[in-house]
Protein backbone atom coordinates (compact mmCIF):
# COMPACT_ATOMS: atom_id res chain seq x y z
CA MET A 1 38.81 1.46 69.92
CA ALA A 2 39.17 -2.06 68.52
CA LEU A 3 42.83 -1.47 67.80
CA ALA A 4 43.48 -0.67 71.44
CA CYS A 5 41.57 -3.56 73.01
CA GLY A 6 40.16 -6.98 72.29
CA VAL A 7 36.75 -7.73 70.84
CA VAL A 8 35.27 -8.79 74.19
CA ILE A 9 36.34 -5.54 75.81
CA ALA A 10 35.04 -3.50 72.86
CA VAL A 11 31.63 -5.21 73.09
CA SER A 12 31.54 -4.54 76.83
CA LEU A 13 32.32 -0.89 76.26
CA LEU A 14 29.63 -0.58 73.59
CA SER A 15 27.02 -2.13 75.86
CA CYS A 16 27.59 0.42 78.62
CA LEU A 17 28.23 3.41 76.35
CA PRO A 18 24.62 4.68 76.05
CA GLN A 19 24.51 5.62 79.73
CA PHE A 20 27.50 7.95 79.22
CA TRP A 21 26.84 9.13 75.67
CA THR A 22 25.40 12.60 75.19
CA PRO A 23 24.20 14.23 71.95
CA ASP A 24 26.95 16.84 72.02
CA ARG A 25 29.79 14.38 71.41
CA ILE A 26 31.73 13.81 68.23
CA SER A 27 33.51 10.54 67.65
CA VAL A 28 36.02 9.79 64.93
CA THR A 29 36.33 6.08 64.24
CA HIS A 30 37.23 3.50 61.65
CA GLU A 31 34.83 1.07 63.33
CA ILE A 32 31.69 1.27 61.21
CA GLY A 33 29.73 -0.98 63.59
CA PHE A 34 30.45 1.46 66.41
CA ALA A 35 29.32 4.42 64.30
CA ARG A 36 26.15 2.60 63.29
CA LYS A 37 25.30 1.83 66.90
CA VAL A 38 25.90 5.23 68.52
CA ALA A 39 25.81 7.95 65.86
CA ASP A 40 22.85 10.08 64.85
CA ARG A 41 24.77 11.34 61.83
CA VAL A 42 27.65 9.75 59.93
CA VAL A 43 30.24 11.27 57.62
CA PHE A 44 31.88 8.75 55.30
CA MET A 45 35.31 9.90 54.13
CA GLU A 46 38.01 8.52 51.91
CA ARG A 47 41.50 10.05 51.67
CA GLY A 48 40.27 13.15 53.52
CA GLU A 49 37.35 13.77 51.15
CA ILE A 50 33.73 13.55 52.28
CA LEU A 51 31.92 11.07 50.06
CA GLU A 52 28.61 10.90 51.91
CA GLU A 53 27.07 12.37 55.02
CA GLY A 54 23.68 12.27 56.64
CA PRO A 55 21.51 10.57 59.23
CA SER A 56 23.04 7.27 60.31
CA GLU A 57 19.93 5.21 59.57
CA ALA A 58 19.66 6.59 56.02
CA LEU A 59 23.34 6.10 55.20
CA PHE A 60 23.26 2.46 56.23
CA ALA A 61 19.89 1.72 54.62
CA ALA A 62 20.56 3.37 51.26
CA PRO A 63 24.19 4.21 50.47
CA ARG A 64 24.40 6.75 47.65
CA THR A 65 27.84 5.91 46.25
CA GLU A 66 29.15 2.70 44.74
CA ARG A 67 32.12 2.89 47.11
CA ARG A 68 29.75 2.79 50.13
CA VAL A 69 27.79 -0.11 48.64
CA ARG A 70 30.99 -2.14 48.24
CA PHE A 71 32.25 -1.11 51.67
CA LEU A 72 29.04 -2.03 53.50
CA SER A 73 28.85 -5.30 51.61
CA ARG A 74 32.40 -6.22 52.60
CA VAL A 75 32.32 -4.99 56.20
CA LEU A 76 28.73 -5.58 57.31
CA GLY A 77 27.62 -8.25 54.86
CA HIS A 78 24.87 -6.09 53.29
């Protein structure tokens, strides 16, 4: 989404998304902030391999792999 539009537009879309989002949707994204905001479950992949998966809240609160720790630190400032 962020590649196709500016930050202001992306934020606007995220703010109105909950009214259209239903539990039966699957979203594939490179935008971790988007996934954190809207996903119940997250699958973290690298080079086509699943490294971690689980409830969104748990994956962001306690990453299980060193790769995720580094990634979250770099991207989200954790």
